[in-house]
Amino acid sequence: MAYNHGREKKKWRIWKEAEEKILRKCGVDESVIEQIRIDDRTDFNSNRRFYRWTNDIAEYLEGMADKEQQAEVKTVADLLDEIENENLYLALAKVDRRTLQIILLKMQGYSTKKIAPIVQLTTVAIYARLDHLRKKLKNFKR
């Protein structure tokens, strides 16, 4: 499901207003409340960019999995065996097995939520591993 910025912004605003109401009841100074709002808004924007990016990557990987209906790749070893480009093979051979397992499961159509319990990681950790791999392969020459 795509990240819905409008819905998330509305939820954030409702949460923020309720929090500020409690802070005012407790006698917290308005300047402190404003600083908290600014910090929380910065955090919200950072998360928004992250979730949009991860959604784009997930859609890209799912699209690749749909296009690549080759021989059934069932293990990490099969995944590495299917790579024809030697440089890419060498780069991926250095990646830890758990990250390769995540890629394999993504290729098989699993969602990040379903992958998390299989590899015993949180969804955030999975996104982080995919981000690290993307950065590692960013300058990869075909």
C-alpha atoms as a PDB file:
ATOM      1  CA  MET A   1       0.000   0.000   0.000  1.00  0.00           C
ATOM      2  CA  ALA A   2       1.346   3.394  -0.969  1.00  0.00           C
ATOM      3  CA  TYR A   3       2.356   5.932   1.628  1.00  0.00           C
ATOM      4  CA  ASN A   4      -0.470   8.439   2.039  1.00  0.00           C
ATOM      5  CA  HIS A   5       1.085  11.745   3.103  1.00  0.00           C
ATOM      6  CA  GLY A   6      -2.246  13.510   3.643  1.00  0.00           C
ATOM      7  CA  ARG A   7      -3.569  10.803   5.955  1.00  0.00           C
ATOM      8  CA  GLU A   8      -0.315  10.660   7.930  1.00  0.00           C
ATOM      9  CA  LYS A   9      -0.193  14.459   8.227  1.00  0.00           C
ATOM     10  CA  LYS A  10      -3.763  14.494   9.558  1.00  0.00           C
ATOM     11  CA  LYS A  11      -2.952  11.782  12.123  1.00  0.00           C
ATOM     12  CA  TRP A  12       0.167  13.704  13.154  1.00  0.00           C
ATOM     13  CA  ARG A  13      -1.807  16.956  13.551  1.00  0.00           C
ATOM     14  CA  ILE A  14      -4.487  15.272  15.706  1.00  0.00           C
ATOM     15  CA  TRP A  15      -1.814  13.667  17.896  1.00  0.00           C
ATOM     16  CA  LYS A  16       0.088  16.955  18.160  1.00  0.00           C
ATOM     17  CA  GLU A  17      -2.981  18.965  19.168  1.00  0.00           C
ATOM     18  CA  ALA A  18      -3.862  16.426  21.875  1.00  0.00           C
ATOM     19  CA  GLU A  19      -0.293  16.467  23.173  1.00  0.00           C
ATOM     20  CA  GLU A  20      -0.169  20.273  23.257  1.00  0.00           C
ATOM     21  CA  LYS A  21      -3.477  20.398  25.105  1.00  0.00           C
ATOM     22  CA  ILE A  22      -2.020  18.144  27.819  1.00  0.00           C
ATOM     23  CA  LEU A  23       1.170  20.205  27.983  1.00  0.00           C
ATOM     24  CA  ARG A  24      -0.811  23.436  28.401  1.00  0.00           C
ATOM     25  CA  LYS A  25      -2.877  21.805  31.165  1.00  0.00           C
ATOM     26  CA  CYS A  26       0.363  20.947  32.957  1.00  0.00           C
ATOM     27  CA  GLY A  27       1.526  24.574  32.696  1.00  0.00           C
ATOM     28  CA  VAL A  28       4.339  24.102  30.160  1.00  0.00           C
ATOM     29  CA  ASP A  29       5.574  27.393  28.685  1.00  0.00           C
ATOM     30  CA  GLU A  30       4.382  28.216  25.132  1.00  0.00           C
ATOM     31  CA  SER A  31       7.955  28.647  23.874  1.00  0.00           C
ATOM     32  CA  VAL A  32       8.767  25.091  25.007  1.00  0.00           C
ATOM     33  CA  ILE A  33       5.603  23.775  23.361  1.00  0.00           C
ATOM     34  CA  GLU A  34       6.547  25.578  20.136  1.00  0.00           C
ATOM     35  CA  GLN A  35      10.077  24.106  20.201  1.00  0.00           C
ATOM     36  CA  ILE A  36       8.631  20.614  20.728  1.00  0.00           C
ATOM     37  CA  ARG A  37       6.283  21.200  17.779  1.00  0.00           C
ATOM     38  CA  ILE A  38       9.191  22.275  15.550  1.00  0.00           C
ATOM     39  CA  ASP A  39      11.271  19.243  16.572  1.00  0.00           C
ATOM     40  CA  ASP A  40       8.367  16.842  16.080  1.00  0.00           C
ATOM     41  CA  ARG A  41       7.577  18.372  12.693  1.00  0.00           C
ATOM     42  CA  THR A  42      11.200  17.901  11.612  1.00  0.00           C
ATOM     43  CA  ASP A  43      11.030  14.285  12.737  1.00  0.00           C
ATOM     44  CA  PHE A  44       7.718  13.783  10.887  1.00  0.00           C
ATOM     45  CA  ASN A  45       9.186  15.216   7.672  1.00  0.00           C
ATOM     46  CA  SER A  46      12.236  12.989   7.971  1.00  0.00           C
ATOM     47  CA  ASN A  47      10.045   9.920   8.434  1.00  0.00           C
ATOM     48  CA  ARG A  48       7.823  10.985   5.555  1.00  0.00           C
ATOM     49  CA  ARG A  49      10.796  11.155   3.188  1.00  0.00           C
ATOM     50  CA  PHE A  50      12.027   7.751   4.419  1.00  0.00           C
ATOM     51  CA  TYR A  51       8.662   6.039   3.972  1.00  0.00           C
ATOM     52  CA  ARG A  52       8.170   7.547   0.508  1.00  0.00           C
ATOM     53  CA  TRP A  53      11.626   6.359  -0.517  1.00  0.00           C
ATOM     54  CA  THR A  54      11.135   2.851   0.877  1.00  0.00           C
ATOM     55  CA  ASN A  55       7.766   2.618  -0.841  1.00  0.00           C
ATOM     56  CA  ASP A  56       9.404   3.561  -4.152  1.00  0.00           C
ATOM     57  CA  ILE A  57      12.124   0.936  -3.650  1.00  0.00           C
ATOM     58  CA  ALA A  58       9.585  -1.737  -2.720  1.00  0.00           C
ATOM     59  CA  GLU A  59       7.505  -0.988  -5.811  1.00  0.00           C
ATOM     60  CA  TYR A  60      10.647  -1.105  -7.943  1.00  0.00           C
ATOM     61  CA  LEU A  61      11.698  -4.469  -6.503  1.00  0.00           C
ATOM     62  CA  GLU A  62       8.210  -5.883  -6.935  1.00  0.00           C
ATOM     63  CA  GLY A  63       8.178  -4.670 -10.538  1.00  0.00           C
ATOM     64  CA  MET A  64      11.530  -6.312 -11.157  1.00  0.00           C
ATOM     65  CA  ALA A  65      10.276  -9.547  -9.632  1.00  0.00           C
ATOM     66  CA  ASP A  66       7.267  -9.504 -11.955  1.00  0.00           C
ATOM     67  CA  LYS A  67       9.436  -8.874 -15.020  1.00  0.00           C
ATOM     68  CA  GLU A  68      12.031 -11.477 -14.127  1.00  0.00           C
ATOM     69  CA  GLN A  69      10.015 -14.676 -14.415  1.00  0.00           C
ATOM     70  CA  GLN A  70      13.085 -16.804 -14.993  1.00  0.00           C
ATOM     71  CA  ALA A  71      14.006 -20.115 -13.429  1.00  0.00           C
ATOM     72  CA  GLU A  72      12.697 -20.434  -9.900  1.00  0.00           C
ATOM     73  CA  VAL A  73      15.297 -19.085  -7.485  1.00  0.00           C
ATOM     74  CA  LYS A  74      14.666 -20.711  -4.127  1.00  0.00           C
ATOM     75  CA  THR A  75      17.878 -20.185  -2.173  1.00  0.00           C
ATOM     76  CA  VAL A  76      20.520 -17.505  -1.740  1.00  0.00           C
ATOM     77  CA  ALA A  77      22.963 -19.785  -3.557  1.00  0.00           C
ATOM     78  CA  ASP A  78      20.526 -20.018  -6.499  1.00  0.00           C
ATOM     79  CA  LEU A  79      20.253 -16.230  -6.478  1.00  0.00           C
ATOM     80  CA  LEU A  80      24.014 -15.814  -6.718  1.00  0.00           C
ATOM     81  CA  ASP A  81      24.246 -18.548  -9.376  1.00  0.00           C
ATOM     82  CA  GLU A  82      21.773 -16.685 -11.590  1.00  0.00           C
ATOM     83  CA  ILE A  83      23.947 -13.537 -11.716  1.00  0.00           C
ATOM     84  CA  GLU A  84      25.793 -13.369 -15.009  1.00  0.00           C
ATOM     85  CA  ASN A  85      27.730 -10.143 -14.439  1.00  0.00           C
ATOM     86  CA  GLU A  86      30.970 -11.006 -12.655  1.00  0.00           C
ATOM     87  CA  ASN A  87      31.346  -7.592 -10.973  1.00  0.00           C
ATOM     88  CA  LEU A  88      27.809  -7.712  -9.608  1.00  0.00           C
ATOM     89  CA  TYR A  89      28.372 -11.272  -8.432  1.00  0.00           C
ATOM     90  CA  LEU A  90      31.543 -10.265  -6.591  1.00  0.00           C
ATOM     91  CA  ALA A  91      29.779  -7.281  -5.010  1.00  0.00           C
ATOM     92  CA  LEU A  92      26.814  -9.371  -3.843  1.00  0.00           C
ATOM     93  CA  ALA A  93      29.026 -12.230  -2.656  1.00  0.00           C
ATOM     94  CA  LYS A  94      30.419  -9.823  -0.042  1.00  0.00           C
ATOM     95  CA  VAL A  95      26.921  -8.953   1.250  1.00  0.00           C
ATOM     96  CA  ASP A  96      25.762 -10.780   4.381  1.00  0.00           C
ATOM     97  CA  ARG A  97      23.440 -13.760   3.910  1.00  0.00           C
ATOM     98  CA  ARG A  98      20.513 -12.173   5.739  1.00  0.00           C
ATOM     99  CA  THR A  99      20.418  -9.212   3.338  1.00  0.00           C
ATOM    100  CA  LEU A 100      20.595 -11.592   0.381  1.00  0.00           C
ATOM    101  CA  GLN A 101      17.747 -13.587   1.924  1.00  0.00           C
ATOM    102  CA  ILE A 102      15.699 -10.366   2.146  1.00  0.00           C
ATOM    103  CA  ILE A 103      16.353  -9.675  -1.543  1.00  0.00           C
ATOM    104  CA  LEU A 104      15.379 -13.241  -2.416  1.00  0.00           C
ATOM    105  CA  LEU A 105      12.128 -12.983  -0.480  1.00  0.00           C
ATOM    106  CA  LYS A 106      11.383  -9.604  -2.109  1.00  0.00           C
ATOM    107  CA  MET A 107      11.924 -11.210  -5.511  1.00  0.00           C
ATOM    108  CA  GLN A 108       9.489 -13.948  -4.531  1.00  0.00           C
ATOM    109  CA  GLY A 109       6.845 -11.306  -3.856  1.00  0.00           C
ATOM    110  CA  TYR A 110       6.882 -11.175  -0.065  1.00  0.00           C
ATOM    111  CA  SER A 111       6.055  -7.856   1.570  1.00  0.00           C
ATOM    112  CA  THR A 112       8.447  -6.313   4.054  1.00  0.00           C
ATOM    113  CA  LYS A 113       5.965  -7.024   6.870  1.00  0.00           C
ATOM    114  CA  LYS A 114       5.960 -10.726   5.978  1.00  0.00           C
ATOM    115  CA  ILE A 115       9.745 -10.847   5.561  1.00  0.00           C
ATOM    116  CA  ALA A 116      10.428  -9.369   9.019  1.00  0.00           C
ATOM    117  CA  PRO A 117       9.461 -12.437  11.096  1.00  0.00           C
ATOM    118  CA  ILE A 118      11.124 -14.801   8.623  1.00  0.00           C
ATOM    119  CA  VAL A 119      14.535 -13.105   8.930  1.00  0.00           C
ATOM    120  CA  GLN A 120      13.923 -12.083  12.564  1.00  0.00           C
ATOM    121  CA  LEU A 121      14.374  -8.353  11.957  1.00  0.00           C
ATOM    122  CA  THR A 122      12.108  -5.343  12.250  1.00  0.00           C
ATOM    123  CA  THR A 123      10.724  -3.753   9.097  1.00  0.00           C
ATOM    124  CA  VAL A 124      12.879  -0.685   9.809  1.00  0.00           C
ATOM    125  CA  ALA A 125      15.982  -2.893   9.939  1.00  0.00           C
ATOM    126  CA  ILE A 126      15.007  -4.460   6.612  1.00  0.00           C
ATOM    127  CA  TYR A 127      14.593  -1.040   5.022  1.00  0.00           C
ATOM    128  CA  ALA A 128      17.980  -0.016   6.449  1.00  0.00           C
ATOM    129  CA  ARG A 129      19.678  -3.095   4.990  1.00  0.00           C
ATOM    130  CA  LEU A 130      18.114  -2.433   1.587  1.00  0.00           C
ATOM    131  CA  ASP A 131      19.212   1.193   1.806  1.00  0.00           C
ATOM    132  CA  HIS A 132      22.801   0.177   2.615  1.00  0.00           C
ATOM    133  CA  LEU A 133      22.804  -2.263  -0.287  1.00  0.00           C
ATOM    134  CA  ARG A 134      21.361   0.355  -2.631  1.00  0.00           C
ATOM    135  CA  LYS A 135      24.107   2.798  -1.629  1.00  0.00           C
ATOM    136  CA  LYS A 136      26.746   0.108  -2.062  1.00  0.00           C
ATOM    137  CA  LEU A 137      25.509  -0.723  -5.552  1.00  0.00           C
ATOM    138  CA  LYS A 138      24.740   2.879  -6.538  1.00  0.00           C
ATOM    139  CA  ASN A 139      27.997   3.352  -8.398  1.00  0.00           C
ATOM    140  CA  PHE A 140      28.029  -0.186  -9.741  1.00  0.00           C
ATOM    141  CA  LYS A 141      29.069  -0.352 -13.406  1.00  0.00           C
ATOM    142  CA  ARG A 142      27.051  -2.758 -15.525  1.00  0.00           C
END
